[in-house]
PDB file of N, CA and C in Angstrom:
ATOM      1  N   MET A   1     110.994 106.048  68.640  1.00  0.00           N
ATOM      2  CA  MET A   1     110.527 106.620  69.413  1.00  0.00           C
ATOM      3  C   MET A   1     110.674 104.973  70.527  1.00  0.00           C
ATOM      4  N   SER A   2     111.973 105.123  70.916  1.00  0.00           N
ATOM      5  CA  SER A   2     112.462 103.523  71.567  1.00  0.00           C
ATOM      6  C   SER A   2     111.171 103.264  73.388  1.00  0.00           C
ATOM      7  N   LEU A   3     111.680 101.985  73.020  1.00  0.00           N
ATOM      8  CA  LEU A   3     111.019 101.125  74.449  1.00  0.00           C
ATOM      9  C   LEU A   3     110.769 102.634  75.807  1.00  0.00           C
ATOM     10  N   TYR A   4     112.574 102.456  75.480  1.00  0.00           N
ATOM     11  CA  TYR A   4     112.593 103.433  77.562  1.00  0.00           C
ATOM     12  C   TYR A   4     112.049 104.691  77.156  1.00  0.00           C
ATOM     13  N   LEU A   5     111.235 105.146  76.324  1.00  0.00           N
ATOM     14  CA  LEU A   5     111.286 107.027  76.310  1.00  0.00           C
ATOM     15  C   LEU A   5     109.534 106.089  75.937  1.00  0.00           C
ATOM     16  N   VAL A   6     108.869 105.773  75.532  1.00  0.00           N
ATOM     17  CA  VAL A   6     107.253 105.450  76.072  1.00  0.00           C
ATOM     18  C   VAL A   6     107.526 104.896  77.175  1.00  0.00           C
ATOM     19  N   LEU A   7     108.265 104.117  76.886  1.00  0.00           N
ATOM     20  CA  LEU A   7     107.679 104.344  79.452  1.00  0.00           C
ATOM     21  C   LEU A   7     108.093 105.010  81.053  1.00  0.00           C
ATOM     22  N   LYS A   8     108.993 105.649  80.240  1.00  0.00           N
ATOM     23  CA  LYS A   8     109.408 106.891  80.920  1.00  0.00           C
ATOM     24  C   LYS A   8     108.386 107.952  80.529  1.00  0.00           C
ATOM     25  N   ALA A   9     107.220 108.320  79.564  1.00  0.00           N
ATOM     26  CA  ALA A   9     105.979 109.427  79.713  1.00  0.00           C
ATOM     27  C   ALA A   9     104.871 108.081  80.322  1.00  0.00           C
ATOM     28  N   VAL A  10     105.252 107.096  80.202  1.00  0.00           N
ATOM     29  CA  VAL A  10     103.602 106.183  81.149  1.00  0.00           C
ATOM     30  C   VAL A  10     104.283 106.700  82.549  1.00  0.00           C
ATOM     31  N   TRP A  11     105.114 106.090  82.714  1.00  0.00           N
ATOM     32  CA  TRP A  11     105.900 106.491  84.152  1.00  0.00           C
ATOM     33  C   TRP A  11     105.844 108.276  84.344  1.00  0.00           C
ATOM     34  N   THR A  12     105.348 109.181  84.074  1.00  0.00           N
ATOM     35  CA  THR A  12     105.140 110.500  83.928  1.00  0.00           C
ATOM     36  C   THR A  12     104.030 111.112  84.117  1.00  0.00           C
ATOM     37  N   VAL A  13     102.622 110.326  83.044  1.00  0.00           N
ATOM     38  CA  VAL A  13     101.618 110.524  83.123  1.00  0.00           C
ATOM     39  C   VAL A  13     100.812 109.850  84.555  1.00  0.00           C
ATOM     40  N   ALA A  14     101.730 108.149  85.077  1.00  0.00           N
ATOM     41  CA  ALA A  14     101.387 108.469  85.840  1.00  0.00           C
ATOM     42  C   ALA A  14     101.039 108.477  87.552  1.00  0.00           C
ATOM     43  N   ALA A  15     101.814 109.050  87.277  1.00  0.00           N
ATOM     44  CA  ALA A  15     102.412 110.088  88.869  1.00  0.00           C
ATOM     45  C   ALA A  15     101.549 111.610  88.593  1.00  0.00           C
ATOM     46  N   LEU A  16     101.292 112.704  87.577  1.00  0.00           N
ATOM     47  CA  LEU A  16     100.803 113.095  87.523  1.00  0.00           C
ATOM     48  C   LEU A  16      99.242 112.706  87.540  1.00  0.00           C
ATOM     49  N   GLY A  17      98.826 111.298  87.277  1.00  0.00           N
ATOM     50  CA  GLY A  17      97.519 111.047  87.880  1.00  0.00           C
ATOM     51  C   GLY A  17      97.749 110.927  89.043  1.00  0.00           C
ATOM     52  N   LEU A  18      98.324 110.248  89.458  1.00  0.00           N
ATOM     53  CA  LEU A  18      97.813 109.461  90.807  1.00  0.00           C
ATOM     54  C   LEU A  18      97.818 111.209  91.929  1.00  0.00           C
ATOM     55  N   VAL A  19      98.864 111.833  91.624  1.00  0.00           N
ATOM     56  CA  VAL A  19      98.795 113.389  92.122  1.00  0.00           C
ATOM     57  C   VAL A  19      97.579 113.915  92.281  1.00  0.00           C
ATOM     58  N   ILE A  20      96.672 114.643  90.674  1.00  0.00           N
ATOM     59  CA  ILE A  20      95.459 115.004  91.048  1.00  0.00           C
ATOM     60  C   ILE A  20      94.755 113.961  91.426  1.00  0.00           C
ATOM     61  N   VAL A  21      95.403 112.049  91.534  1.00  0.00           N
ATOM     62  CA  VAL A  21      93.759 111.472  91.791  1.00  0.00           C
ATOM     63  C   VAL A  21      93.814 112.237  93.678  1.00  0.00           C
ATOM     64  N   VAL A  22      94.904 112.618  93.656  1.00  0.00           N
ATOM     65  CA  VAL A  22      94.738 112.247  95.564  1.00  0.00           C
ATOM     66  C   VAL A  22      94.239 113.493  96.190  1.00  0.00           C
ATOM     67  N   LEU A  23      94.149 114.654  94.609  1.00  0.00           N
ATOM     68  CA  LEU A  23      94.055 115.143  95.589  1.00  0.00           C
ATOM     69  C   LEU A  23      92.772 116.005  95.066  1.00  0.00           C
ATOM     70  N   LEU A  24      91.953 114.867  94.731  1.00  0.00           N
ATOM     71  CA  LEU A  24      90.632 114.875  94.364  1.00  0.00           C
ATOM     72  C   LEU A  24      89.358 114.020  95.206  1.00  0.00           C
ATOM     73  N   HIS A  25      90.332 113.243  96.356  1.00  0.00           N
ATOM     74  CA  HIS A  25      89.625 113.047  97.002  1.00  0.00           C
ATOM     75  C   HIS A  25      90.076 113.596  98.757  1.00  0.00           C
ATOM     76  N   SER A  26      88.041 113.091  98.959  1.00  0.00           N
ATOM     77  CA  SER A  26      87.910 113.694 100.084  1.00  0.00           C
ATOM     78  C   SER A  26      87.969 113.462 101.546  1.00  0.00           C
ATOM     79  N   PRO A  27      88.703 114.338 102.278  1.00  0.00           N
ATOM     80  CA  PRO A  27      89.159 113.799 104.412  1.00  0.00           C
ATOM     81  C   PRO A  27      88.503 113.212 104.363  1.00  0.00           C
ATOM     82  N   LYS A  28      89.115 112.574 105.634  1.00  0.00           N
ATOM     83  CA  LYS A  28      88.145 111.271 105.763  1.00  0.00           C
ATOM     84  C   LYS A  28      87.379 111.952 107.718  1.00  0.00           C
ATOM     85  N   GLY A  29      88.490 112.966 107.338  1.00  0.00           N
ATOM     86  CA  GLY A  29      87.403 114.254 108.991  1.00  0.00           C
ATOM     87  C   GLY A  29      86.408 114.440 107.840  1.00  0.00           C
ATOM     88  N   ASP A  30      84.965 113.694 108.365  1.00  0.00           N
ATOM     89  CA  ASP A  30      84.304 115.097 108.027  1.00  0.00           C
ATOM     90  C   ASP A  30      83.335 116.405 108.943  1.00  0.00           C
ATOM     91  N   GLY A  31      84.479 116.497 110.031  1.00  0.00           N
ATOM     92  CA  GLY A  31      84.160 117.388 111.009  1.00  0.00           C
ATOM     93  C   GLY A  31      82.656 116.911 111.897  1.00  0.00           C
ATOM     94  N   LEU A  32      82.542 118.533 111.705  1.00  0.00           N
ATOM     95  CA  LEU A  32      80.971 118.055 112.363  1.00  0.00           C
ATOM     96  C   LEU A  32      80.059 117.775 111.521  1.00  0.00           C
ATOM     97  N   GLY A  33      79.881 117.712 110.385  1.00  0.00           N
ATOM     98  CA  GLY A  33      79.044 117.240 109.452  1.00  0.00           C
ATOM     99  C   GLY A  33      78.718 115.165 109.816  1.00  0.00           C
ATOM    100  N   GLY A  34      80.452 115.316 110.027  1.00  0.00           N
ATOM    101  CA  GLY A  34      79.929 113.666 111.175  1.00  0.00           C
ATOM    102  C   GLY A  34      79.844 113.161 111.598  1.00  0.00           C
ATOM    103  N   LEU A  35      78.774 113.717 112.627  1.00  0.00           N
ATOM    104  CA  LEU A  35      78.424 114.049 113.737  1.00  0.00           C
ATOM    105  C   LEU A  35      77.024 113.181 113.548  1.00  0.00           C
ATOM    106  N   SER A  36      76.333 113.899 113.095  1.00  0.00           N
ATOM    107  CA  SER A  36      74.532 114.569 112.815  1.00  0.00           C
ATOM    108  C   SER A  36      74.396 112.987 111.511  1.00  0.00           C
ATOM    109  N   GLY A  37      75.775 112.172 111.681  1.00  0.00           N
ATOM    110  CA  GLY A  37      75.157 110.963 110.465  1.00  0.00           C
ATOM    111  C   GLY A  37      74.554 110.987 109.011  1.00  0.00           C
ATOM    112  N   GLN A  38      75.095 112.242 108.519  1.00  0.00           N
ATOM    113  CA  GLN A  38      75.015 113.160 106.623  1.00  0.00           C
ATOM    114  C   GLN A  38      75.412 112.532 106.440  1.00  0.00           C
ATOM    115  N   ALA A  39      76.919 111.909 106.436  1.00  0.00           N
ATOM    116  CA  ALA A  39      78.028 111.094 105.356  1.00  0.00           C
ATOM    117  C   ALA A  39      77.451 110.467 104.839  1.00  0.00           C
ATOM    118  N   GLN A  40      76.361 109.727 105.394  1.00  0.00           N
ATOM    119  CA  GLN A  40      75.686 107.860 104.552  1.00  0.00           C
ATOM    120  C   GLN A  40      75.031 108.356 103.960  1.00  0.00           C
ATOM    121  N   LEU A  41      74.091 109.515 104.005  1.00  0.00           N
ATOM    122  CA  LEU A  41      73.346 110.410 103.611  1.00  0.00           C
ATOM    123  C   LEU A  41      72.916 109.539 101.514  1.00  0.00           C
ATOM    124  N   PHE A  42      74.142 110.218 101.373  1.00  0.00           N
ATOM    125  CA  PHE A  42      74.051 110.081  99.244  1.00  0.00           C
ATOM    126  C   PHE A  42      75.339 109.471  99.592  1.00  0.00           C
ATOM    127  N   ASN A  43      74.386 107.502  98.878  1.00  0.00           N
ATOM    128  CA  ASN A  43      75.616 106.675  98.190  1.00  0.00           C
ATOM    129  C   ASN A  43      76.166 107.004  96.556  1.00  0.00           C
ATOM    130  N   SER A  44      75.952 108.291  96.365  1.00  0.00           N
ATOM    131  CA  SER A  44      76.695 108.791  95.490  1.00  0.00           C
ATOM    132  C   SER A  44      78.235 109.300  96.026  1.00  0.00           C
ATOM    133  N   THR A  45      78.302 109.054  96.686  1.00  0.00           N
ATOM    134  CA  THR A  45      79.327 109.554  97.702  1.00  0.00           C
ATOM    135  C   THR A  45      80.008 108.639  98.130  1.00  0.00           C
ATOM    136  N   LYS A  46      80.448 107.777  98.003  1.00  0.00           N
ATOM    137  CA  LYS A  46      80.304 106.608  98.920  1.00  0.00           C
ATOM    138  C   LYS A  46      81.189 105.874  97.304  1.00  0.00           C
ATOM    139  N   THR A  47      80.240 106.229  96.319  1.00  0.00           N
ATOM    140  CA  THR A  47      80.133 105.140  95.634  1.00  0.00           C
ATOM    141  C   THR A  47      82.066 105.827  93.916  1.00  0.00           C
ATOM    142  N   ALA A  48      81.965 107.102  94.350  1.00  0.00           N
ATOM    143  CA  ALA A  48      82.471 108.036  93.331  1.00  0.00           C
ATOM    144  C   ALA A  48      84.206 108.210  94.629  1.00  0.00           C
ATOM    145  N   GLU A  49      84.325 107.586  95.830  1.00  0.00           N
ATOM    146  CA  GLU A  49      84.936 107.751  96.960  1.00  0.00           C
ATOM    147  C   GLU A  49      85.807 106.746  96.372  1.00  0.00           C
ATOM    148  N   LEU A  50      85.024 104.889  96.879  1.00  0.00           N
ATOM    149  CA  LEU A  50      85.348 103.639  96.081  1.00  0.00           C
ATOM    150  C   LEU A  50      86.363 103.497  95.017  1.00  0.00           C
ATOM    151  N   THR A  51      85.586 104.636  93.843  1.00  0.00           N
ATOM    152  CA  THR A  51      86.101 104.790  92.530  1.00  0.00           C
ATOM    153  C   THR A  51      87.550 105.183  92.617  1.00  0.00           C
ATOM    154  N   LEU A  52      87.797 106.116  93.365  1.00  0.00           N
ATOM    155  CA  LEU A  52      88.373 107.136  93.662  1.00  0.00           C
ATOM    156  C   LEU A  52      89.964 106.994  94.200  1.00  0.00           C
ATOM    157  N   ASN A  53      89.819 105.716  95.201  1.00  0.00           N
ATOM    158  CA  ASN A  53      90.331 104.351  95.682  1.00  0.00           C
ATOM    159  C   ASN A  53      90.746 103.257  94.595  1.00  0.00           C
ATOM    160  N   ARG A  54      90.273 102.790  94.041  1.00  0.00           N
ATOM    161  CA  ARG A  54      90.959 102.245  93.106  1.00  0.00           C
ATOM    162  C   ARG A  54      92.068 102.612  91.435  1.00  0.00           C
ATOM    163  N   ILE A  55      91.408 103.949  91.431  1.00  0.00           N
ATOM    164  CA  ILE A  55      92.050 104.049  90.401  1.00  0.00           C
ATOM    165  C   ILE A  55      93.077 105.025  90.827  1.00  0.00           C
ATOM    166  N   THR A  56      93.654 105.130  92.378  1.00  0.00           N
ATOM    167  CA  THR A  56      95.104 105.411  93.467  1.00  0.00           C
ATOM    168  C   THR A  56      95.134 104.497  93.211  1.00  0.00           C
ATOM    169  N   TRP A  57      94.626 103.674  93.618  1.00  0.00           N
ATOM    170  CA  TRP A  57      95.698 102.139  93.885  1.00  0.00           C
ATOM    171  C   TRP A  57      96.526 101.328  92.095  1.00  0.00           C
ATOM    172  N   VAL A  58      95.291 101.947  91.688  1.00  0.00           N
ATOM    173  CA  VAL A  58      96.295 100.989  90.094  1.00  0.00           C
ATOM    174  C   VAL A  58      97.262 102.652  89.883  1.00  0.00           C
ATOM    175  N   LEU A  59      96.574 103.789  89.321  1.00  0.00           N
ATOM    176  CA  LEU A  59      97.971 104.445  89.309  1.00  0.00           C
ATOM    177  C   LEU A  59      99.091 103.799  90.146  1.00  0.00           C
ATOM    178  N   THR A  60      99.066 104.272  91.697  1.00  0.00           N
ATOM    179  CA  THR A  60      99.711 103.408  91.910  1.00  0.00           C
ATOM    180  C   THR A  60     101.306 102.233  92.257  1.00  0.00           C
ATOM    181  N   VAL A  61      99.954 101.271  92.005  1.00  0.00           N
ATOM    182  CA  VAL A  61     101.354 100.439  91.119  1.00  0.00           C
ATOM    183  C   VAL A  61     102.129 100.134  90.052  1.00  0.00           C
ATOM    184  N   VAL A  62     101.335 100.865  89.010  1.00  0.00           N
ATOM    185  CA  VAL A  62     101.618 101.304  87.301  1.00  0.00           C
ATOM    186  C   VAL A  62     103.168 102.519  87.747  1.00  0.00           C
ATOM    187  N   PHE A  63     102.496 103.071  89.143  1.00  0.00           N
ATOM    188  CA  PHE A  63     103.500 104.185  89.017  1.00  0.00           C
ATOM    189  C   PHE A  63     105.060 102.629  90.096  1.00  0.00           C
ATOM    190  N   MET A  64     104.538 103.066  90.421  1.00  0.00           N
ATOM    191  CA  MET A  64     105.427 101.886  91.438  1.00  0.00           C
ATOM    192  C   MET A  64     106.652 101.342  90.184  1.00  0.00           C
ATOM    193  N   GLY A  65     105.620  99.847  89.909  1.00  0.00           N
ATOM    194  CA  GLY A  65     106.523  99.285  88.787  1.00  0.00           C
ATOM    195  C   GLY A  65     107.164  99.476  88.005  1.00  0.00           C
ATOM    196  N   MET A  66     106.821 100.783  86.967  1.00  0.00           N
ATOM    197  CA  MET A  66     107.967 101.811  86.650  1.00  0.00           C
ATOM    198  C   MET A  66     109.364 102.145  86.984  1.00  0.00           C
ATOM    199  N   THR A  67     108.728 102.670  88.161  1.00  0.00           N
ATOM    200  CA  THR A  67     110.307 103.435  88.743  1.00  0.00           C
ATOM    201  C   THR A  67     111.119 101.978  88.868  1.00  0.00           C
ATOM    202  N   VAL A  68     110.102 100.925  89.067  1.00  0.00           N
ATOM    203  CA  VAL A  68     111.463  99.638  89.222  1.00  0.00           C
ATOM    204  C   VAL A  68     112.084  99.582  88.360  1.00  0.00           C
ATOM    205  N   LEU A  69     111.444  99.114  86.878  1.00  0.00           N
ATOM    206  CA  LEU A  69     111.837  98.443  85.894  1.00  0.00           C
ATOM    207  C   LEU A  69     112.969  99.581  84.953  1.00  0.00           C
ATOM    208  N   LEU A  70     112.194 100.960  85.050  1.00  0.00           N
ATOM    209  CA  LEU A  70     113.281 102.066  85.308  1.00  0.00           C
ATOM    210  C   LEU A  70     114.407 102.794  85.701  1.00  0.00           C
ATOM    211  N   SER A  71     114.669 102.050  86.643  1.00  0.00           N
ATOM    212  CA  SER A  71     116.154 102.070  88.047  1.00  0.00           C
ATOM    213  C   SER A  71     116.839 101.176  87.751  1.00  0.00           C
ATOM    214  N   ALA A  72     116.504  99.883  87.274  1.00  0.00           N
ATOM    215  CA  ALA A  72     117.111  98.244  87.294  1.00  0.00           C
ATOM    216  C   ALA A  72     117.489  98.434  85.872  1.00  0.00           C
ATOM    217  N   ASN A  73     117.581  99.727  84.960  1.00  0.00           N
ATOM    218  CA  ASN A  73     118.767  99.848  83.931  1.00  0.00           C
ATOM    219  C   ASN A  73     118.332  98.579  82.873  1.00  0.00           C
ATOM    220  N   LEU A  74     118.193  97.870  82.800  1.00  0.00           N
ATOM    221  CA  LEU A  74     117.267  96.542  81.666  1.00  0.00           C
ATOM    222  C   LEU A  74     117.018  97.592  80.947  1.00  0.00           C
ATOM    223  N   ILE A  75     115.887  98.665  80.554  1.00  0.00           N
ATOM    224  CA  ILE A  75     115.925  98.676  79.035  1.00  0.00           C
ATOM    225  C   ILE A  75     116.558  99.602  78.142  1.00  0.00           C
ATOM    226  N   PRO A  76     116.711  98.550  77.104  1.00  0.00           N
ATOM    227  CA  PRO A  76     118.180  99.498  76.264  1.00  0.00           C
ATOM    228  C   PRO A  76     117.405 100.920  75.328  1.00  0.00           C
ATOM    229  N   GLY A  77     118.892 101.666  75.754  1.00  0.00           N
ATOM    230  CA  GLY A  77     117.771 102.649  74.454  1.00  0.00           C
ATOM    231  C   GLY A  77     117.828 104.188  75.526  1.00  0.00           C
ATOM    232  N   ARG A  78     119.104 103.607  76.091  1.00  0.00           N
ATOM    233  CA  ARG A  78     119.104 104.979  77.220  1.00  0.00           C
ATOM    234  C   ARG A  78     119.673 105.422  76.877  1.00  0.00           C
TER     235      ARG A  78
END
């Protein structure tokens, strides 16, 4: 298996993971629930959102890095 195929597989997994993680995010507008302050009642929701944000940023950096690397045609074995 060539390095190009491995990098392309990592790029594909990062793209699919990024789509899934973005879809798991909760919407920022809480609707009418945000008026009563109930959104701050549970700390676990805030921790889960923070973890999803970190995973999103890591996958974004991996995806963009692989995109630049694969599009630059620097990898032999194509």
